[in-house]
PDB file of all heavy atoms in Angstrom:
ATOM      1  N   LEU A   1       0.825  -1.167   0.105  1.00  0.00           N
ATOM      2  CA  LEU A   1      -0.022  -0.054  -0.109  1.00  0.00           C
ATOM      3  C   LEU A   1       0.857   1.304   0.106  1.00  0.00           C
ATOM      4  O   LEU A   1       0.564   2.278   0.278  1.00  0.00           O
ATOM      5  CB  LEU A   1      -0.879  -0.026   1.258  1.00  0.00           C
ATOM      6  CG  LEU A   1      -2.192  -0.961   1.080  1.00  0.00           C
ATOM      7  CD1 LEU A   1      -1.800  -2.326   1.106  1.00  0.00           C
ATOM      8  CD2 LEU A   1      -3.142  -0.569   2.148  1.00  0.00           C
ATOM      9  N   ASP A   2       2.174   1.115  -0.367  1.00  0.00           N
ATOM     10  CA  ASP A   2       2.985   2.192  -0.370  1.00  0.00           C
ATOM     11  C   ASP A   2       2.627   3.134  -1.626  1.00  0.00           C
ATOM     12  O   ASP A   2       2.189   2.724  -2.521  1.00  0.00           O
ATOM     13  CB  ASP A   2       4.517   1.747  -0.687  1.00  0.00           C
ATOM     14  CG  ASP A   2       4.870   0.819   0.483  1.00  0.00           C
ATOM     15  OD1 ASP A   2       4.474   0.983   1.590  1.00  0.00           O
ATOM     16  OD2 ASP A   2       5.730  -0.042   0.153  1.00  0.00           O
ATOM     17  N   ILE A   3       2.926   4.399  -1.379  1.00  0.00           N
ATOM     18  CA  ILE A   3       2.910   5.277  -2.556  1.00  0.00           C
ATOM     19  C   ILE A   3       3.774   5.006  -3.632  1.00  0.00           C
ATOM     20  O   ILE A   3       3.239   5.048  -4.857  1.00  0.00           O
ATOM     21  CB  ILE A   3       2.977   6.823  -1.960  1.00  0.00           C
ATOM     22  CG1 ILE A   3       1.883   7.218  -1.075  1.00  0.00           C
ATOM     23  CG2 ILE A   3       3.013   7.784  -3.251  1.00  0.00           C
ATOM     24  CD1 ILE A   3       2.012   8.572  -0.403  1.00  0.00           C
ATOM     25  N   MET A   4       4.833   4.619  -3.372  1.00  0.00           N
ATOM     26  CA  MET A   4       5.872   4.111  -4.374  1.00  0.00           C
ATOM     27  C   MET A   4       5.859   2.624  -4.217  1.00  0.00           C
ATOM     28  O   MET A   4       5.860   2.032  -3.186  1.00  0.00           O
ATOM     29  CB  MET A   4       7.257   4.721  -4.178  1.00  0.00           C
ATOM     30  CG  MET A   4       7.259   6.177  -4.250  1.00  0.00           C
ATOM     31  SD  MET A   4       6.628   6.884  -5.911  1.00  0.00           S
ATOM     32  CE  MET A   4       7.914   6.395  -6.988  1.00  0.00           C
ATOM     33  N   PRO A   5       6.042   1.872  -5.411  1.00  0.00           N
ATOM     34  CA  PRO A   5       6.068   0.373  -5.331  1.00  0.00           C
ATOM     35  C   PRO A   5       7.292   0.003  -4.655  1.00  0.00           C
ATOM     36  O   PRO A   5       8.288   0.663  -4.669  1.00  0.00           O
ATOM     37  CB  PRO A   5       5.904   0.038  -6.684  1.00  0.00           C
ATOM     38  CG  PRO A   5       6.283   1.128  -7.602  1.00  0.00           C
ATOM     39  CD  PRO A   5       5.923   2.384  -6.688  1.00  0.00           C
ATOM     40  N   LYS A   6       7.147  -1.326  -4.106  1.00  0.00           N
ATOM     41  CA  LYS A   6       8.288  -1.923  -3.297  1.00  0.00           C
ATOM     42  C   LYS A   6       9.495  -2.308  -4.524  1.00  0.00           C
ATOM     43  O   LYS A   6       8.955  -2.497  -5.622  1.00  0.00           O
ATOM     44  CB  LYS A   6       7.817  -3.188  -2.623  1.00  0.00           C
ATOM     45  CG  LYS A   6       7.101  -2.925  -1.379  1.00  0.00           C
ATOM     46  CD  LYS A   6       6.815  -4.270  -0.644  1.00  0.00           C
ATOM     47  CE  LYS A   6       6.129  -4.063   0.541  1.00  0.00           C
ATOM     48  NZ  LYS A   6       5.786  -5.294   1.209  1.00  0.00           N
ATOM     49  N   THR A   7      10.607  -2.566  -4.046  1.00  0.00           N
ATOM     50  CA  THR A   7      11.645  -2.852  -4.799  1.00  0.00           C
ATOM     51  C   THR A   7      11.204  -4.306  -5.340  1.00  0.00           C
ATOM     52  O   THR A   7      10.703  -5.142  -4.585  1.00  0.00           O
ATOM     53  CB  THR A   7      12.988  -3.175  -4.116  1.00  0.00           C
ATOM     54  OG1 THR A   7      13.266  -1.753  -3.668  1.00  0.00           O
ATOM     55  CG2 THR A   7      14.041  -3.587  -5.010  1.00  0.00           C
ATOM     56  N   MET A   8      11.414  -4.565  -6.639  1.00  0.00           N
ATOM     57  CA  MET A   8      11.042  -5.968  -7.132  1.00  0.00           C
ATOM     58  C   MET A   8      11.757  -7.060  -6.492  1.00  0.00           C
ATOM     59  O   MET A   8      12.988  -7.051  -6.514  1.00  0.00           O
ATOM     60  CB  MET A   8      11.207  -5.829  -8.619  1.00  0.00           C
ATOM     61  CG  MET A   8      10.408  -4.827  -9.282  1.00  0.00           C
ATOM     62  SD  MET A   8       8.714  -4.692  -8.837  1.00  0.00           S
ATOM     63  CE  MET A   8       8.474  -3.092  -8.738  1.00  0.00           C
ATOM     64  N   ASN A   9      11.178  -8.111  -6.025  1.00  0.00           N
ATOM     65  CA  ASN A   9      11.692  -9.237  -5.395  1.00  0.00           C
ATOM     66  C   ASN A   9      11.157 -10.410  -6.173  1.00  0.00           C
ATOM     67  O   ASN A   9      10.252 -10.229  -7.020  1.00  0.00           O
ATOM     68  CB  ASN A   9      11.393  -9.370  -3.916  1.00  0.00           C
ATOM     69  CG  ASN A   9      11.994  -8.211  -3.152  1.00  0.00           C
ATOM     70  OD1 ASN A   9      13.136  -7.847  -3.445  1.00  0.00           O
ATOM     71  ND2 ASN A   9      11.232  -7.694  -2.232  1.00  0.00           N
ATOM     72  N   ILE A  10      11.717 -11.650  -5.956  1.00  0.00           N
ATOM     73  CA  ILE A  10      11.146 -12.805  -6.533  1.00  0.00           C
ATOM     74  C   ILE A  10       9.654 -12.845  -6.115  1.00  0.00           C
ATOM     75  O   ILE A  10       9.354 -12.702  -4.940  1.00  0.00           O
ATOM     76  CB  ILE A  10      11.949 -13.984  -6.227  1.00  0.00           C
ATOM     77  CG1 ILE A  10      13.479 -13.814  -6.745  1.00  0.00           C
ATOM     78  CG2 ILE A  10      11.320 -15.305  -6.628  1.00  0.00           C
ATOM     79  CD1 ILE A  10      14.367 -14.920  -6.500  1.00  0.00           C
ATOM     80  N   ALA A  11       8.690 -13.209  -6.968  1.00  0.00           N
ATOM     81  CA  ALA A  11       7.379 -13.339  -6.617  1.00  0.00           C
ATOM     82  C   ALA A  11       7.083 -14.334  -5.476  1.00  0.00           C
ATOM     83  O   ALA A  11       7.839 -15.421  -5.512  1.00  0.00           O
ATOM     84  CB  ALA A  11       6.527 -13.844  -7.916  1.00  0.00           C
ATOM     85  N   SER A  12       6.292 -14.120  -4.506  1.00  0.00           N
ATOM     86  CA  SER A  12       6.023 -15.039  -3.474  1.00  0.00           C
ATOM     87  C   SER A  12       4.610 -14.709  -2.966  1.00  0.00           C
ATOM     88  O   SER A  12       3.930 -13.759  -3.238  1.00  0.00           O
ATOM     89  CB  SER A  12       6.973 -14.762  -2.236  1.00  0.00           C
ATOM     90  OG  SER A  12       6.926 -13.454  -1.836  1.00  0.00           O
ATOM     91  N   THR A  13       4.105 -15.707  -2.289  1.00  0.00           N
ATOM     92  CA  THR A  13       2.981 -15.544  -1.668  1.00  0.00           C
ATOM     93  C   THR A  13       2.914 -15.947  -0.194  1.00  0.00           C
ATOM     94  O   THR A  13       3.753 -16.698   0.168  1.00  0.00           O
ATOM     95  CB  THR A  13       1.691 -16.380  -2.371  1.00  0.00           C
ATOM     96  OG1 THR A  13       2.052 -17.744  -2.268  1.00  0.00           O
ATOM     97  CG2 THR A  13       1.601 -16.158  -3.789  1.00  0.00           C
ATOM     98  N   LYS A  14       1.901 -15.503   0.649  1.00  0.00           N
ATOM     99  CA  LYS A  14       1.916 -15.935   1.994  1.00  0.00           C
ATOM    100  C   LYS A  14       0.452 -16.009   2.508  1.00  0.00           C
ATOM    101  O   LYS A  14      -0.344 -15.309   1.916  1.00  0.00           O
ATOM    102  CB  LYS A  14       2.779 -15.064   2.924  1.00  0.00           C
ATOM    103  CG  LYS A  14       2.134 -13.702   2.923  1.00  0.00           C
ATOM    104  CD  LYS A  14       2.977 -12.767   3.990  1.00  0.00           C
ATOM    105  CE  LYS A  14       2.316 -11.557   4.126  1.00  0.00           C
ATOM    106  NZ  LYS A  14       2.613 -10.770   5.307  1.00  0.00           N
ATOM    107  N   GLN A  15       0.254 -16.734   3.451  1.00  0.00           N
ATOM    108  CA  GLN A  15      -1.142 -16.949   3.978  1.00  0.00           C
ATOM    109  C   GLN A  15      -1.093 -15.862   5.122  1.00  0.00           C
ATOM    110  O   GLN A  15      -0.282 -15.712   5.923  1.00  0.00           O
ATOM    111  CB  GLN A  15      -1.169 -18.281   4.578  1.00  0.00           C
ATOM    112  CG  GLN A  15      -2.807 -18.429   5.023  1.00  0.00           C
ATOM    113  CD  GLN A  15      -2.946 -19.802   5.494  1.00  0.00           C
ATOM    114  OE1 GLN A  15      -2.074 -20.566   5.588  1.00  0.00           O
ATOM    115  NE2 GLN A  15      -4.145 -20.166   6.014  1.00  0.00           N
ATOM    116  N   GLU A  16      -2.264 -14.962   5.171  1.00  0.00           N
ATOM    117  CA  GLU A  16      -2.346 -14.041   6.125  1.00  0.00           C
ATOM    118  C   GLU A  16      -2.913 -14.582   7.341  1.00  0.00           C
ATOM    119  O   GLU A  16      -3.828 -15.448   7.340  1.00  0.00           O
ATOM    120  CB  GLU A  16      -3.295 -12.975   5.643  1.00  0.00           C
ATOM    121  CG  GLU A  16      -2.937 -12.273   4.322  1.00  0.00           C
ATOM    122  CD  GLU A  16      -1.520 -11.628   4.469  1.00  0.00           C
ATOM    123  OE1 GLU A  16      -1.019 -11.311   5.677  1.00  0.00           O
ATOM    124  OE2 GLU A  16      -0.855 -11.257   3.512  1.00  0.00           O
ATOM    125  N   LYS A  17      -2.258 -14.293   8.490  1.00  0.00           N
ATOM    126  CA  LYS A  17      -2.660 -14.952   9.631  1.00  0.00           C
ATOM    127  C   LYS A  17      -3.438 -13.918  10.689  1.00  0.00           C
ATOM    128  O   LYS A  17      -3.805 -14.317  11.752  1.00  0.00           O
ATOM    129  CB  LYS A  17      -1.416 -15.426  10.355  1.00  0.00           C
ATOM    130  CG  LYS A  17      -0.648 -16.460   9.649  1.00  0.00           C
ATOM    131  CD  LYS A  17      -0.010 -17.474  10.360  1.00  0.00           C
ATOM    132  CE  LYS A  17       0.726 -18.628   9.725  1.00  0.00           C
ATOM    133  NZ  LYS A  17       0.390 -19.030   8.414  1.00  0.00           N
ATOM    134  N   SER A  18      -3.487 -12.618  10.317  1.00  0.00           N
ATOM    135  CA  SER A  18      -4.164 -11.781  11.102  1.00  0.00           C
ATOM    136  C   SER A  18      -4.995 -10.871  10.313  1.00  0.00           C
ATOM    137  O   SER A  18      -4.637 -10.513   9.203  1.00  0.00           O
ATOM    138  CB  SER A  18      -3.171 -11.003  11.937  1.00  0.00           C
ATOM    139  OG  SER A  18      -2.252 -10.218  11.085  1.00  0.00           O
ATOM    140  N   LEU A  19      -6.068 -10.331  10.855  1.00  0.00           N
ATOM    141  CA  LEU A  19      -7.070  -9.475  10.225  1.00  0.00           C
ATOM    142  C   LEU A  19      -6.329  -8.138   9.652  1.00  0.00           C
ATOM    143  O   LEU A  19      -6.685  -7.864   8.457  1.00  0.00           O
ATOM    144  CB  LEU A  19      -8.229  -9.100  11.116  1.00  0.00           C
ATOM    145  CG  LEU A  19      -9.242  -8.172  10.558  1.00  0.00           C
ATOM    146  CD1 LEU A  19      -9.843  -8.682   9.324  1.00  0.00           C
ATOM    147  CD2 LEU A  19     -10.236  -7.859  11.654  1.00  0.00           C
ATOM    148  N   GLU A  20      -5.518  -7.619  10.390  1.00  0.00           N
ATOM    149  CA  GLU A  20      -4.942  -6.327   9.967  1.00  0.00           C
ATOM    150  C   GLU A  20      -4.059  -6.487   8.726  1.00  0.00           C
ATOM    151  O   GLU A  20      -3.676  -5.495   8.006  1.00  0.00           O
ATOM    152  CB  GLU A  20      -4.220  -5.601  11.156  1.00  0.00           C
ATOM    153  CG  GLU A  20      -3.132  -6.365  11.758  1.00  0.00           C
ATOM    154  CD  GLU A  20      -3.484  -7.277  12.819  1.00  0.00           C
ATOM    155  OE1 GLU A  20      -4.757  -7.463  13.104  1.00  0.00           O
ATOM    156  OE2 GLU A  20      -2.746  -7.722  13.609  1.00  0.00           O
ATOM    157  N   HIS A  21      -3.605  -7.684   8.469  1.00  0.00           N
ATOM    158  CA  HIS A  21      -2.846  -7.875   7.145  1.00  0.00           C
ATOM    159  C   HIS A  21      -3.824  -8.509   6.080  1.00  0.00           C
ATOM    160  O   HIS A  21      -3.351  -8.542   4.938  1.00  0.00           O
ATOM    161  CB  HIS A  21      -1.729  -8.985   7.548  1.00  0.00           C
ATOM    162  CG  HIS A  21      -0.770  -8.405   8.399  1.00  0.00           C
ATOM    163  ND1 HIS A  21      -0.372  -8.945   9.539  1.00  0.00           N
ATOM    164  CD2 HIS A  21       0.038  -7.134   8.435  1.00  0.00           C
ATOM    165  CE1 HIS A  21       0.445  -8.229  10.265  1.00  0.00           C
ATOM    166  NE2 HIS A  21       0.724  -7.176   9.619  1.00  0.00           N
ATOM    167  N   GLU A  22      -4.940  -8.812   6.467  1.00  0.00           N
ATOM    168  CA  GLU A  22      -5.784  -9.450   5.407  1.00  0.00           C
ATOM    169  C   GLU A  22      -6.828  -8.401   4.776  1.00  0.00           C
ATOM    170  O   GLU A  22      -7.155  -8.531   3.668  1.00  0.00           O
ATOM    171  CB  GLU A  22      -6.691 -10.415   6.103  1.00  0.00           C
ATOM    172  CG  GLU A  22      -7.879 -10.976   5.477  1.00  0.00           C
ATOM    173  CD  GLU A  22      -8.610 -11.994   6.374  1.00  0.00           C
ATOM    174  OE1 GLU A  22      -8.258 -13.112   6.596  1.00  0.00           O
ATOM    175  OE2 GLU A  22      -9.721 -11.482   6.910  1.00  0.00           O
ATOM    176  N   VAL A  23      -7.140  -7.405   5.420  1.00  0.00           N
ATOM    177  CA  VAL A  23      -8.007  -6.421   5.059  1.00  0.00           C
ATOM    178  C   VAL A  23      -7.395  -5.114   4.680  1.00  0.00           C
ATOM    179  O   VAL A  23      -6.428  -4.763   5.304  1.00  0.00           O
ATOM    180  CB  VAL A  23      -9.274  -6.192   6.038  1.00  0.00           C
ATOM    181  CG1 VAL A  23      -8.741  -5.504   7.298  1.00  0.00           C
ATOM    182  CG2 VAL A  23     -10.418  -5.350   5.494  1.00  0.00           C
ATOM    183  N   PHE A  24      -7.842  -4.473   3.607  1.00  0.00           N
ATOM    184  CA  PHE A  24      -7.350  -3.221   3.209  1.00  0.00           C
ATOM    185  C   PHE A  24      -8.530  -2.359   2.494  1.00  0.00           C
ATOM    186  O   PHE A  24      -9.499  -2.905   1.997  1.00  0.00           O
ATOM    187  CB  PHE A  24      -6.075  -3.168   2.472  1.00  0.00           C
ATOM    188  CG  PHE A  24      -6.113  -3.687   1.100  1.00  0.00           C
ATOM    189  CD1 PHE A  24      -6.412  -2.827   0.046  1.00  0.00           C
ATOM    190  CD2 PHE A  24      -5.931  -5.071   0.917  1.00  0.00           C
ATOM    191  CE1 PHE A  24      -6.428  -3.384  -1.350  1.00  0.00           C
ATOM    192  CE2 PHE A  24      -5.959  -5.570  -0.378  1.00  0.00           C
ATOM    193  CZ  PHE A  24      -6.251  -4.791  -1.461  1.00  0.00           C
ATOM    194  N   GLY A  25      -8.352  -1.043   2.500  1.00  0.00           N
ATOM    195  CA  GLY A  25      -9.368  -0.152   1.880  1.00  0.00           C
ATOM    196  C   GLY A  25     -10.375   0.136   3.000  1.00  0.00           C
ATOM    197  O   GLY A  25     -11.294   1.066   2.737  1.00  0.00           O
ATOM    198  N   GLU A  26     -10.121  -0.325   4.308  1.00  0.00           N
ATOM    199  CA  GLU A  26     -11.231  -0.061   5.174  1.00  0.00           C
ATOM    200  C   GLU A  26     -11.321   1.448   5.684  1.00  0.00           C
ATOM    201  O   GLU A  26     -12.379   1.995   6.085  1.00  0.00           O
ATOM    202  CB  GLU A  26     -10.985  -1.021   6.483  1.00  0.00           C
ATOM    203  CG  GLU A  26      -9.914  -0.656   7.387  1.00  0.00           C
ATOM    204  CD  GLU A  26      -8.480  -1.058   6.907  1.00  0.00           C
ATOM    205  OE1 GLU A  26      -8.394  -1.579   5.798  1.00  0.00           O
ATOM    206  OE2 GLU A  26      -7.676  -0.862   7.659  1.00  0.00           O
ATOM    207  N   LEU A  27     -10.132   2.052   5.668  1.00  0.00           N
ATOM    208  CA  LEU A  27     -10.090   3.504   6.162  1.00  0.00           C
ATOM    209  C   LEU A  27     -10.825   4.450   5.180  1.00  0.00           C
ATOM    210  O   LEU A  27     -11.606   5.148   5.517  1.00  0.00           O
ATOM    211  CB  LEU A  27      -8.604   3.978   6.185  1.00  0.00           C
ATOM    212  CG  LEU A  27      -7.844   3.451   7.495  1.00  0.00           C
ATOM    213  CD1 LEU A  27      -6.466   3.850   7.547  1.00  0.00           C
ATOM    214  CD2 LEU A  27      -8.596   3.532   8.776  1.00  0.00           C
ATOM    215  N   SER A  28     -10.510   4.116   3.865  1.00  0.00           N
ATOM    216  CA  SER A  28     -11.316   4.935   2.758  1.00  0.00           C
ATOM    217  C   SER A  28     -12.785   4.623   2.826  1.00  0.00           C
ATOM    218  O   SER A  28     -13.603   5.503   2.673  1.00  0.00           O
ATOM    219  CB  SER A  28     -10.632   4.705   1.428  1.00  0.00           C
ATOM    220  OG  SER A  28      -9.389   5.099   1.412  1.00  0.00           O
ATOM    221  N   TRP A  29     -13.005   3.323   3.064  1.00  0.00           N
ATOM    222  CA  TRP A  29     -14.455   2.864   3.115  1.00  0.00           C
ATOM    223  C   TRP A  29     -15.123   3.459   4.402  1.00  0.00           C
ATOM    224  O   TRP A  29     -16.253   4.086   4.150  1.00  0.00           O
ATOM    225  CB  TRP A  29     -14.529   1.455   3.283  1.00  0.00           C
ATOM    226  CG  TRP A  29     -16.035   0.843   3.367  1.00  0.00           C
ATOM    227  CD1 TRP A  29     -16.905   0.979   2.367  1.00  0.00           C
ATOM    228  CD2 TRP A  29     -16.397   0.184   4.433  1.00  0.00           C
ATOM    229  NE1 TRP A  29     -18.098   0.261   2.883  1.00  0.00           N
ATOM    230  CE2 TRP A  29     -17.814  -0.102   4.153  1.00  0.00           C
ATOM    231  CE3 TRP A  29     -16.018  -0.161   5.798  1.00  0.00           C
ATOM    232  CZ2 TRP A  29     -18.633  -0.673   5.017  1.00  0.00           C
ATOM    233  CZ3 TRP A  29     -16.819  -0.757   6.613  1.00  0.00           C
ATOM    234  CH2 TRP A  29     -18.170  -1.055   6.332  1.00  0.00           C
ATOM    235  N   VAL A  30     -14.643   3.408   5.534  1.00  0.00           N
ATOM    236  CA  VAL A  30     -15.180   4.040   6.663  1.00  0.00           C
ATOM    237  C   VAL A  30     -15.312   5.567   6.676  1.00  0.00           C
ATOM    238  O   VAL A  30     -16.377   6.075   6.935  1.00  0.00           O
ATOM    239  CB  VAL A  30     -14.434   3.694   7.983  1.00  0.00           C
ATOM    240  CG1 VAL A  30     -14.770   4.393   9.196  1.00  0.00           C
ATOM    241  CG2 VAL A  30     -14.497   2.183   8.318  1.00  0.00           C
TER     242      VAL A  30
END
């Protein structure tokens, strides 16, 4: 959610284990 994109790394995925890392857009929505 950075204004500037992160440095490119090797593509990876991860399973989110906490709500604060799973949800986004909530501040604009609220």
